[in-house]
Amino acid sequence: MITRIIIISLFCLVIIAIGILGMRKTKTFNDYFLGGGKIGAWMTAFTYGTAYFSAVLFIGFAGQVGWNFGISGLWIALFNSLIGVLGVWWILGHRIKQMSVEYKVSTLPEFFEKRYNSRGLKLYSSIAIFFLFIPYSAAVFIGLSYLFKVTFNIDYTVALIFMGSFTGLYLVLGGYNSMTMIDVIFGIIMIIGCIVLSVTTVTAAGGITALSDKLTQFDPKLVSVIGPAGFWNLFFLVFLTSVAPFAMPQLIQKFYAIRDKKAVRFGMIASTLFSVLIASTAYFVGSTSRVFLNPESAPNAFSNGKPVFDSLMPELLSKVIPEYLFVLMLLLILSASMSTLAAIILISSSSVVKDFYAGFINPNATDKTLTSLMRLFALIFIIISVVLAYFKPSTIVIILGISWGAIGAAFLGPFIWGLLWKRTTLAGAFSSSVIGLGVCLYLYFTGSPSPQAGTIGMLISFALCPLVSLVTKPKGNS
């Protein structure tokens, strides 16, 4: 226990030191928000991958998907890598960078304003970003707090307050400069941690063959192409987690900040390989949960004989990882989560400060004022997210599902078609966003599972935008 505390403390000190270094490099608002727009391929690849995957993957998704789908959960890892990473970089990467230079924009709401000549769409999207990212951030905080609760035997609330405070300190210091520098370290830790986690899990199970045999004893479908939960449930999860990245503002931001087309090409390969390793490891290890956990051996992971999905992975890690390596798993999940939180908080803060305040209240605000306000609203966003995480409204998968689904439904149609098709109109963009988001939230609050609600909302958003555009008149830059 002492060793864990010492290593985690050293890790935190390194992050703070890099935050201070990033603060010294931050001279302007553009430095704070985009690192000057000159971030290289390696840094962008790592910061994209680490922003994509977090404690939500390793704690929430890996546990619940692994328990319900078994080995077939690896389909999610495959499509996340091929669509959510490779597809986004290949289809959108350079186009996003080009459009940001052409329109002189650095946020998604600014892009909407310039592309569709609409301040109303900018206002709507900035408000949507701030509020829709709160549950996503809360889900990450919940996952981290569960991990620290199991690892250090501390109260959930104490763990939650610590993580919120530390995230605020790290991000407030240096912004995007700090984030990209530390994400390279985070990425290396995640790579090493995933390799170790895969090997120790297979070893603890007695080998791949023994692991497969044990899963088959529980249910032969756990090792089949489609797991026990069925094709459609798997499809909704695959679609939600693989397609939403095409319209996630915190991932789009990476291309605003990247240096040039050459960096995009190289970063695409590096980021895809990184994704294959990270996602495959998480879902594979999660699929072994039935082998290592039951109500007798892991009572904290079950309630009345039923699994508590958000507790499965912390308990599983404590079973399969040797004591001397367990701190590496802590660093793995902490690294994944810190980078995701930083990306979410930076984007959410910018939606209030750059898009709303500078866009509508004080267009002549100085760089110093904007940077100070970014730091202030980063703290405000963290506090709101931590409060929501304290009440734990649902499981991590459900919270993340509604957040990703709502964001995807709001922005998929307007952003993709606006970027790739000149004929896209304001009417098409606005209607597809509002209706897609409305359908997503309606389905969720009337009882539909969040992945299903999100998937349907995104499909409506994507399909409706070109249909409405074909029968309406373009405006301004459209």
Protein backbone atom coordinates (compact mmCIF):
# COMPACT_ATOMS: atom_id res chain seq x y z
CA MET A 1 0.00 0.00 0.00
CA ILE A 2 2.82 2.41 0.88
CA THR A 3 4.50 1.68 -2.45
CA ARG A 4 1.30 2.47 -4.32
CA ILE A 5 0.89 5.77 -2.52
CA ILE A 6 4.50 6.78 -3.19
CA ILE A 7 4.35 5.97 -6.90
CA ILE A 8 0.98 7.66 -7.40
CA SER A 9 2.30 10.71 -5.55
CA LEU A 10 5.37 10.85 -7.79
CA PHE A 11 3.14 10.47 -10.83
CA CYS A 12 1.01 13.40 -9.68
CA LEU A 13 4.09 15.53 -9.07
CA VAL A 14 5.33 14.85 -12.61
CA ILE A 15 1.95 15.91 -14.01
CA ILE A 16 2.02 19.13 -11.98
CA ALA A 17 5.59 19.82 -13.11
CA ILE A 18 4.57 19.42 -16.75
CA GLY A 19 1.56 21.64 -16.08
CA ILE A 20 3.90 24.36 -14.82
CA LEU A 21 6.13 23.91 -17.87
CA GLY A 22 3.09 24.18 -20.12
CA MET A 23 2.02 27.35 -18.30
CA ARG A 24 5.38 28.93 -19.08
CA LYS A 25 4.88 28.13 -22.77
CA THR A 26 1.37 29.55 -22.74
CA LYS A 27 1.61 33.17 -23.82
CA THR A 28 -1.71 33.63 -25.66
CA PHE A 29 -5.22 32.22 -25.63
CA ASN A 30 -4.39 30.27 -28.79
CA ASP A 31 -1.46 28.68 -26.94
CA TYR A 32 -3.73 27.71 -24.05
CA PHE A 33 -6.49 26.29 -26.22
CA LEU A 34 -4.65 24.84 -29.27
CA GLY A 35 -0.97 24.83 -28.40
CA GLY A 36 -0.41 27.46 -31.09
CA GLY A 37 -1.86 25.20 -33.82
CA LYS A 38 1.53 23.58 -34.42
CA ILE A 39 1.25 20.23 -32.62
CA GLY A 40 3.15 17.40 -34.33
CA ALA A 41 2.02 13.94 -35.44
CA TRP A 42 3.18 11.91 -32.44
CA MET A 43 1.68 14.29 -29.88
CA THR A 44 -1.60 14.52 -31.79
CA ALA A 45 -1.80 10.73 -32.20
CA PHE A 46 -1.32 10.16 -28.49
CA THR A 47 -3.59 12.99 -27.42
CA TYR A 48 -6.36 11.72 -29.76
CA GLY A 49 -6.08 8.14 -28.53
CA THR A 50 -5.84 9.01 -24.86
CA ALA A 51 -8.80 11.40 -25.17
CA TYR A 52 -10.87 8.63 -26.83
CA PHE A 53 -10.26 6.04 -24.11
CA SER A 54 -10.58 6.60 -20.37
CA ALA A 55 -11.71 4.98 -17.14
CA VAL A 56 -15.10 4.75 -18.85
CA LEU A 57 -13.63 2.10 -21.14
CA PHE A 58 -11.56 0.20 -18.59
CA ILE A 59 -13.99 0.36 -15.66
CA GLY A 60 -17.52 0.72 -17.08
CA PHE A 61 -17.58 -0.60 -20.63
CA ALA A 62 -15.05 -3.41 -20.25
CA GLY A 63 -16.87 -4.79 -17.22
CA GLN A 64 -20.45 -4.58 -18.49
CA VAL A 65 -19.72 -5.50 -22.11
CA GLY A 66 -17.39 -8.31 -21.08
CA TRP A 67 -19.96 -9.82 -18.72
CA ASN A 68 -22.85 -9.57 -21.20
CA PHE A 69 -21.12 -10.25 -24.52
CA GLY A 70 -17.97 -12.24 -23.73
CA ILE A 71 -15.32 -12.38 -26.44
CA SER A 72 -17.64 -10.81 -29.02
CA GLY A 73 -17.06 -7.49 -27.25
CA LEU A 74 -13.87 -7.37 -29.32
CA TRP A 75 -16.02 -6.32 -32.28
CA ILE A 76 -16.39 -2.98 -30.52
CA ALA A 77 -12.62 -2.66 -30.25
CA LEU A 78 -12.19 -3.47 -33.95
CA PHE A 79 -14.77 -0.97 -35.19
CA ASN A 80 -13.65 1.70 -32.74
CA SER A 81 -10.19 1.44 -34.29
CA LEU A 82 -11.25 1.19 -37.95
CA ILE A 83 -14.08 3.74 -37.88
CA GLY A 84 -13.67 5.90 -34.78
CA VAL A 85 -9.94 6.39 -35.30
CA LEU A 86 -8.73 5.41 -38.79
CA GLY A 87 -11.92 6.60 -40.48
CA VAL A 88 -11.99 9.94 -38.68
CA TRP A 89 -8.33 10.68 -39.44
CA TRP A 90 -8.53 9.51 -43.05
CA ILE A 91 -11.81 11.14 -44.06
CA LEU A 92 -11.85 14.26 -41.89
CA GLY A 93 -8.37 14.99 -40.52
CA HIS A 94 -6.89 17.20 -43.22
CA ARG A 95 -10.26 18.66 -44.20
CA ILE A 96 -10.84 19.87 -40.63
CA LYS A 97 -7.41 21.50 -40.57
CA GLN A 98 -7.99 23.14 -43.96
CA MET A 99 -11.40 24.44 -42.94
CA SER A 100 -10.07 25.84 -39.67
CA VAL A 101 -7.43 27.82 -41.58
CA GLU A 102 -9.84 28.95 -44.32
CA TYR A 103 -12.53 30.11 -41.90
CA LYS A 104 -10.07 31.14 -39.15
CA VAL A 105 -11.93 29.10 -36.53
CA SER A 106 -10.77 27.03 -33.58
CA THR A 107 -14.01 25.61 -32.15
CA LEU A 108 -16.99 23.68 -33.51
CA PRO A 109 -19.50 26.49 -32.80
CA GLU A 110 -17.23 28.93 -34.67
CA PHE A 111 -17.17 26.55 -37.62
CA PHE A 112 -20.97 26.39 -37.62
CA GLU A 113 -21.21 30.18 -37.53
CA LYS A 114 -18.84 30.67 -40.47
CA ARG A 115 -20.00 27.67 -42.49
CA TYR A 116 -23.71 28.42 -42.20
CA ASN A 117 -23.53 32.18 -41.63
CA SER A 118 -25.57 31.75 -38.46
CA ARG A 119 -24.91 33.19 -35.01
CA GLY A 120 -27.97 31.34 -33.78
CA LEU A 121 -26.43 27.95 -34.62
CA LYS A 122 -23.23 29.04 -32.89
CA LEU A 123 -25.14 29.96 -29.72
CA TYR A 124 -27.17 26.76 -29.75
CA SER A 125 -24.12 24.54 -30.26
CA SER A 126 -22.03 26.26 -27.58
CA ILE A 127 -24.78 25.76 -24.99
CA ALA A 128 -25.30 22.15 -26.09
CA ILE A 129 -21.59 21.34 -25.79
CA PHE A 130 -21.31 22.64 -22.24
CA PHE A 131 -24.33 20.77 -20.90
CA LEU A 132 -24.00 17.53 -22.89
CA PHE A 133 -20.41 17.01 -21.77
CA ILE A 134 -21.26 17.17 -18.06
CA PRO A 135 -22.52 13.55 -17.81
CA TYR A 136 -19.51 12.34 -19.85
CA SER A 137 -17.11 14.01 -17.43
CA ALA A 138 -19.10 12.68 -14.48
CA ALA A 139 -18.85 9.12 -15.86
CA VAL A 140 -15.05 9.39 -15.98
CA PHE A 141 -14.94 10.70 -12.41
CA ILE A 142 -17.17 7.83 -11.26
CA GLY A 143 -14.87 5.25 -12.87
CA LEU A 144 -11.74 6.72 -11.33
CA SER A 145 -13.33 7.02 -7.91
CA TYR A 146 -14.45 3.37 -7.94
CA LEU A 147 -10.89 2.36 -8.80
CA PHE A 148 -9.34 4.40 -5.99
CA LYS A 149 -11.98 3.16 -3.56
CA VAL A 150 -11.08 -0.48 -4.22
CA THR A 151 -7.33 0.13 -4.45
CA PHE A 152 -6.79 2.28 -1.39
CA ASN A 153 -9.88 1.32 0.61
CA ILE A 154 -10.96 4.95 0.87
CA ASP A 155 -14.40 6.45 0.81
CA TYR A 156 -15.88 7.04 -2.67
CA THR A 157 -16.57 10.70 -1.87
CA VAL A 158 -12.98 11.30 -0.72
CA ALA A 159 -11.66 9.71 -3.91
CA LEU A 160 -14.03 11.82 -5.98
CA ILE A 161 -12.98 15.09 -4.35
CA PHE A 162 -9.30 14.22 -4.77
CA MET A 163 -9.67 13.44 -8.48
CA GLY A 164 -11.69 16.58 -9.11
CA SER A 165 -9.16 18.78 -7.32
CA PHE A 166 -6.17 17.22 -9.03
CA THR A 167 -7.72 17.45 -12.50
CA GLY A 168 -8.52 21.10 -11.94
CA LEU A 169 -4.97 21.89 -10.83
CA TYR A 170 -3.38 20.08 -13.77
CA LEU A 171 -5.54 21.62 -16.47
CA VAL A 172 -5.76 25.15 -15.08
CA LEU A 173 -1.97 25.44 -15.21
CA GLY A 174 -1.00 24.93 -18.83
CA GLY A 175 -4.01 24.08 -21.00
CA TYR A 176 -3.41 22.32 -24.33
CA ASN A 177 0.38 22.65 -24.14
CA SER A 178 0.42 20.69 -20.88
CA MET A 179 -2.14 18.24 -22.20
CA THR A 180 -0.19 17.25 -25.32
CA MET A 181 3.10 16.88 -23.46
CA ILE A 182 1.66 14.74 -20.71
CA ASP A 183 -0.48 12.70 -23.15
CA VAL A 184 2.68 11.26 -24.70
CA ILE A 185 3.68 9.98 -21.25
CA PHE A 186 0.11 8.82 -20.64
CA GLY A 187 0.12 6.97 -23.97
CA ILE A 188 3.38 5.15 -23.23
CA ILE A 189 2.08 4.12 -19.81
CA MET A 190 -1.14 2.85 -21.40
CA ILE A 191 0.77 0.80 -24.00
CA ILE A 192 3.00 -0.86 -21.39
CA GLY A 193 0.09 -1.35 -19.00
CA CYS A 194 -2.11 -3.01 -21.63
CA ILE A 195 0.62 -5.45 -22.64
CA VAL A 196 1.20 -6.40 -19.01
CA LEU A 197 -2.55 -6.65 -18.31
CA SER A 198 -3.14 -8.99 -21.26
CA VAL A 199 -0.28 -11.30 -20.31
CA THR A 200 -1.15 -11.49 -16.60
CA THR A 201 -4.84 -12.12 -17.32
CA VAL A 202 -4.13 -15.01 -19.70
CA THR A 203 -1.56 -16.42 -17.26
CA ALA A 204 -3.95 -16.21 -14.32
CA ALA A 205 -6.59 -18.09 -16.35
CA GLY A 206 -4.13 -20.87 -17.23
CA GLY A 207 -3.70 -19.94 -20.90
CA ILE A 208 -5.96 -19.04 -23.81
CA THR A 209 -7.34 -22.56 -24.21
CA ALA A 210 -8.18 -22.89 -20.53
CA LEU A 211 -9.76 -19.44 -20.56
CA SER A 212 -11.95 -20.36 -23.54
CA ASP A 213 -12.97 -23.63 -21.91
CA LYS A 214 -13.96 -21.89 -18.68
CA LEU A 215 -16.06 -19.31 -20.51
CA THR A 216 -17.74 -22.08 -22.51
CA GLN A 217 -18.74 -23.78 -19.26
CA PHE A 218 -20.63 -20.65 -18.22
CA ASP A 219 -22.26 -20.14 -21.63
CA PRO A 220 -20.99 -21.28 -25.06
CA LYS A 221 -22.19 -17.96 -26.50
CA LEU A 222 -19.51 -16.16 -24.48
CA VAL A 223 -16.93 -17.40 -26.99
CA SER A 224 -19.14 -17.15 -30.08
CA VAL A 225 -19.17 -14.48 -32.79
CA ILE A 226 -22.18 -12.79 -31.18
CA GLY A 227 -22.43 -12.94 -27.40
CA PRO A 228 -25.42 -13.77 -25.18
CA ALA A 229 -26.82 -10.22 -25.28
CA GLY A 230 -27.54 -10.54 -29.00
CA PHE A 231 -26.71 -8.87 -32.31
CA TRP A 232 -28.74 -5.67 -31.99
CA ASN A 233 -27.46 -4.76 -28.55
CA LEU A 234 -23.93 -5.28 -29.85
CA PHE A 235 -24.68 -3.24 -32.98
CA PHE A 236 -25.96 -0.27 -30.98
CA LEU A 237 -22.80 -0.24 -28.84
CA VAL A 238 -20.55 -0.56 -31.89
CA PHE A 239 -22.34 2.22 -33.75
CA LEU A 240 -22.48 4.58 -30.78
CA THR A 241 -18.83 4.28 -29.81
CA SER A 242 -17.45 4.15 -33.37
CA VAL A 243 -19.50 6.79 -35.21
CA ALA A 244 -19.90 9.44 -32.50
CA PRO A 245 -16.16 10.39 -32.77
CA PHE A 246 -16.92 11.91 -36.19
CA ALA A 247 -18.74 14.70 -34.34
CA MET A 248 -17.14 14.79 -30.88
CA PRO A 249 -15.81 18.35 -30.33
CA GLN A 250 -12.92 17.26 -28.08
CA LEU A 251 -11.62 14.95 -30.83
CA ILE A 252 -12.24 17.41 -33.66
CA GLN A 253 -10.12 19.92 -31.74
CA LYS A 254 -7.07 17.71 -32.24
CA PHE A 255 -7.12 18.49 -35.96
CA TYR A 256 -7.46 22.22 -35.41
CA ALA A 257 -4.23 22.01 -33.43
CA ILE A 258 -2.23 19.63 -35.67
CA ARG A 259 0.65 21.08 -37.70
CA ASP A 260 0.04 20.02 -41.32
CA LYS A 261 -1.13 17.33 -43.78
CA LYS A 262 2.03 15.25 -43.34
CA ALA A 263 1.43 15.13 -39.59
CA VAL A 264 -2.15 13.97 -40.25
CA ARG A 265 -0.96 11.03 -42.39
CA PHE A 266 1.60 9.83 -39.87
CA GLY A 267 -0.65 10.47 -36.88
CA MET A 268 -3.43 8.42 -38.48
CA ILE A 269 -1.29 5.27 -38.50
CA ALA A 270 0.10 5.78 -35.00
CA SER A 271 -3.30 6.58 -33.50
CA THR A 272 -4.98 3.55 -35.13
CA LEU A 273 -2.34 1.12 -33.86
CA PHE A 274 -2.62 2.65 -30.41
CA SER A 275 -6.40 2.20 -30.49
CA VAL A 276 -6.19 -1.45 -31.55
CA LEU A 277 -4.00 -2.27 -28.56
CA ILE A 278 -5.88 -0.25 -25.93
CA ALA A 279 -9.45 -1.16 -26.93
CA SER A 280 -8.70 -4.84 -27.58
CA THR A 281 -7.01 -5.22 -24.21
CA ALA A 282 -9.88 -3.60 -22.32
CA TYR A 283 -12.64 -5.65 -23.93
CA PHE A 284 -10.65 -8.89 -23.86
CA VAL A 285 -9.87 -8.58 -20.15
CA GLY A 286 -13.46 -7.58 -19.45
CA SER A 287 -14.67 -10.75 -21.18
CA THR A 288 -12.86 -12.85 -18.55
CA SER A 289 -14.83 -11.39 -15.63
CA ARG A 290 -17.01 -14.49 -15.22
CA VAL A 291 -13.92 -16.65 -14.90
CA PHE A 292 -12.45 -14.73 -11.98
CA LEU A 293 -15.45 -13.20 -10.20
CA ASN A 294 -18.47 -14.56 -8.36
CA PRO A 295 -20.47 -13.43 -5.31
CA GLU A 296 -18.32 -15.55 -2.99
CA SER A 297 -14.86 -14.53 -4.23
CA ALA A 298 -15.71 -10.87 -4.91
CA PRO A 299 -18.71 -9.81 -2.78
CA ASN A 300 -18.13 -6.10 -3.52
CA ALA A 301 -18.74 -6.73 -7.22
CA PHE A 302 -22.20 -8.23 -6.67
CA SER A 303 -25.47 -7.18 -5.10
CA ASN A 304 -28.09 -9.84 -4.36
CA GLY A 305 -26.18 -12.19 -6.64
CA LYS A 306 -26.21 -9.81 -9.60
CA PRO A 307 -23.09 -8.07 -10.90
CA VAL A 308 -22.46 -4.42 -10.08
CA PHE A 309 -21.01 -3.59 -13.48
CA ASP A 310 -19.00 -0.54 -12.42
CA SER A 311 -17.27 -2.61 -9.73
CA LEU A 312 -16.38 -5.64 -11.87
CA MET A 313 -13.13 -4.38 -13.40
CA PRO A 314 -11.60 -2.94 -10.20
CA GLU A 315 -12.24 -6.28 -8.51
CA LEU A 316 -10.99 -8.23 -11.53
CA LEU A 317 -7.75 -6.27 -11.64
CA SER A 318 -7.14 -7.01 -7.98
CA LYS A 319 -7.51 -10.75 -8.77
CA VAL A 320 -5.31 -11.08 -11.85
CA ILE A 321 -2.60 -8.46 -11.35
CA PRO A 322 0.29 -9.31 -9.00
CA GLU A 323 0.76 -6.86 -6.15
CA TYR A 324 4.06 -5.54 -7.51
CA LEU A 325 2.41 -4.70 -10.87
CA PHE A 326 -0.89 -3.37 -9.61
CA VAL A 327 0.35 0.20 -9.40
CA LEU A 328 1.00 0.03 -13.16
CA MET A 329 -2.70 -0.66 -13.70
CA LEU A 330 -3.53 2.34 -11.55
CA LEU A 331 -1.29 4.48 -13.71
CA LEU A 332 -2.81 2.96 -16.87
CA ILE A 333 -6.36 3.92 -15.95
CA LEU A 334 -5.35 7.20 -14.34
CA SER A 335 -3.45 8.15 -17.50
CA ALA A 336 -6.38 7.30 -19.77
CA SER A 337 -8.81 9.23 -17.62
CA MET A 338 -6.76 12.36 -16.98
CA SER A 339 -6.26 12.92 -20.69
CA THR A 340 -9.96 12.42 -21.45
CA LEU A 341 -11.01 14.74 -18.65
CA ALA A 342 -8.58 17.40 -19.81
CA ALA A 343 -9.95 17.25 -23.37
CA ILE A 344 -13.58 17.37 -22.22
CA ILE A 345 -13.04 20.22 -19.79
CA LEU A 346 -11.03 22.29 -22.26
CA ILE A 347 -13.75 22.02 -24.91
CA SER A 348 -16.59 22.69 -22.47
CA SER A 349 -14.85 25.76 -21.07
CA SER A 350 -14.19 27.12 -24.56
CA SER A 351 -17.88 26.78 -25.43
CA VAL A 352 -18.68 29.28 -22.67
CA VAL A 353 -15.66 31.57 -22.91
CA LYS A 354 -14.68 31.74 -26.58
CA ASP A 355 -18.00 30.93 -28.24
CA PHE A 356 -20.50 32.54 -25.87
CA TYR A 357 -18.64 35.26 -23.97
CA ALA A 358 -16.29 36.43 -26.74
CA GLY A 359 -18.85 35.69 -29.43
CA PHE A 360 -21.86 37.47 -27.96
CA ILE A 361 -20.99 39.49 -24.84
CA ASN A 362 -17.50 40.93 -25.26
CA PRO A 363 -16.03 40.45 -28.76
CA ASN A 364 -13.08 42.70 -27.85
CA ALA A 365 -11.99 40.62 -24.84
CA THR A 366 -8.22 40.42 -24.51
CA ASP A 367 -6.19 37.20 -24.66
CA LYS A 368 -5.43 37.55 -20.97
CA THR A 369 -9.10 37.85 -20.09
CA LEU A 370 -10.09 34.86 -22.22
CA THR A 371 -7.33 32.67 -20.78
CA SER A 372 -8.27 33.61 -17.20
CA LEU A 373 -11.93 32.90 -17.89
CA MET A 374 -11.03 29.54 -19.46
CA ARG A 375 -9.30 28.55 -16.25
CA LEU A 376 -12.25 29.75 -14.16
CA PHE A 377 -14.87 27.88 -16.19
CA ALA A 378 -12.71 24.76 -16.24
CA LEU A 379 -13.03 24.74 -12.45
CA ILE A 380 -16.77 25.42 -12.62
CA PHE A 381 -17.29 22.56 -15.07
CA ILE A 382 -15.26 20.19 -12.87
CA ILE A 383 -17.31 21.12 -9.80
CA ILE A 384 -20.61 20.47 -11.61
CA SER A 385 -19.33 17.13 -12.95
CA VAL A 386 -18.08 16.03 -9.53
CA VAL A 387 -21.43 16.88 -7.94
CA LEU A 388 -23.24 14.76 -10.56
CA ALA A 389 -20.74 11.93 -10.06
CA TYR A 390 -21.38 12.06 -6.32
CA PHE A 391 -25.03 11.13 -6.84
CA LYS A 392 -24.16 8.29 -9.29
CA PRO A 393 -27.42 8.57 -11.27
CA SER A 394 -26.78 5.33 -13.19
CA THR A 395 -24.08 2.96 -14.40
CA ILE A 396 -21.10 4.35 -16.28
CA VAL A 397 -22.18 2.75 -19.55
CA ILE A 398 -25.64 4.34 -19.39
CA ILE A 399 -24.28 7.78 -18.45
CA LEU A 400 -21.67 7.71 -21.19
CA GLY A 401 -24.15 6.30 -23.69
CA ILE A 402 -26.59 9.17 -23.30
CA SER A 403 -23.81 11.77 -23.38
CA TRP A 404 -22.09 10.38 -26.50
CA GLY A 405 -25.42 9.68 -28.16
CA ALA A 406 -26.74 13.17 -27.50
CA ILE A 407 -23.53 14.85 -28.71
CA GLY A 408 -23.44 12.67 -31.82
CA ALA A 409 -27.12 13.30 -32.55
CA ALA A 410 -26.66 17.06 -32.14
CA PHE A 411 -23.58 17.45 -34.34
CA LEU A 412 -23.12 14.48 -36.69
CA GLY A 413 -25.35 15.73 -39.50
CA PRO A 414 -24.41 19.43 -39.40
CA PHE A 415 -20.69 18.81 -39.07
CA ILE A 416 -20.09 15.94 -41.50
CA TRP A 417 -22.30 17.29 -44.28
CA GLY A 418 -21.17 20.85 -43.68
CA LEU A 419 -17.56 19.77 -44.00
CA LEU A 420 -17.93 17.48 -47.02
CA TRP A 421 -20.89 18.83 -49.05
CA LYS A 422 -21.13 22.43 -50.23
CA ARG A 423 -24.89 22.16 -50.82
CA THR A 424 -25.65 21.68 -47.10
CA THR A 425 -27.96 24.45 -45.89
CA LEU A 426 -28.57 26.11 -42.54
CA ALA A 427 -32.09 24.67 -42.47
CA GLY A 428 -30.69 21.18 -42.98
CA ALA A 429 -28.05 21.66 -40.31
CA PHE A 430 -30.33 23.18 -37.69
CA SER A 431 -33.27 20.83 -38.21
CA SER A 432 -31.13 17.68 -38.21
CA SER A 433 -29.39 18.76 -35.03
CA VAL A 434 -32.49 19.71 -33.08
CA ILE A 435 -34.59 16.74 -34.24
CA GLY A 436 -31.75 14.23 -33.85
CA LEU A 437 -30.99 15.44 -30.33
CA GLY A 438 -34.68 15.64 -29.45
CA VAL A 439 -35.37 12.07 -30.60
CA CYS A 440 -32.30 10.79 -28.72
CA LEU A 441 -33.35 12.42 -25.44
CA TYR A 442 -37.02 11.46 -25.88
CA LEU A 443 -36.18 7.80 -26.43
CA TYR A 444 -33.82 7.76 -23.47
CA PHE A 445 -36.21 9.40 -21.03
CA THR A 446 -39.08 7.16 -22.15
CA GLY A 447 -37.15 4.01 -21.35
CA SER A 448 -34.96 3.09 -24.32
CA PRO A 449 -31.40 1.94 -23.52
CA SER A 450 -28.93 4.79 -23.99
CA PRO A 451 -26.90 3.12 -26.81
CA GLN A 452 -30.12 2.53 -28.76
CA ALA A 453 -31.40 6.06 -28.16
CA GLY A 454 -28.05 7.54 -29.18
CA THR A 455 -27.74 5.42 -32.31
CA ILE A 456 -31.23 6.30 -33.56
CA GLY A 457 -30.65 9.98 -32.82
CA MET A 458 -27.37 9.97 -34.77
CA LEU A 459 -28.89 8.14 -37.73
CA ILE A 460 -31.71 10.69 -37.89
CA SER A 461 -29.25 13.58 -37.67
CA PHE A 462 -27.07 12.17 -40.44
CA ALA A 463 -29.96 11.29 -42.78
CA LEU A 464 -32.11 14.37 -42.22
CA CYS A 465 -29.43 16.99 -42.88
CA PRO A 466 -28.97 16.28 -46.64
CA LEU A 467 -32.68 15.63 -47.18
CA VAL A 468 -33.69 19.02 -45.80
CA SER A 469 -30.76 20.68 -47.58
CA LEU A 470 -31.99 19.42 -50.93
CA VAL A 471 -35.32 21.21 -50.57
CA THR A 472 -34.13 24.43 -48.91
CA LYS A 473 -32.14 27.40 -50.12
CA PRO A 474 -28.47 27.83 -49.16
CA LYS A 475 -27.56 30.90 -47.12
CA GLY A 476 -24.32 32.83 -47.03
CA ASN A 477 -21.27 30.55 -47.07
CA SER A 478 -23.37 27.47 -47.69
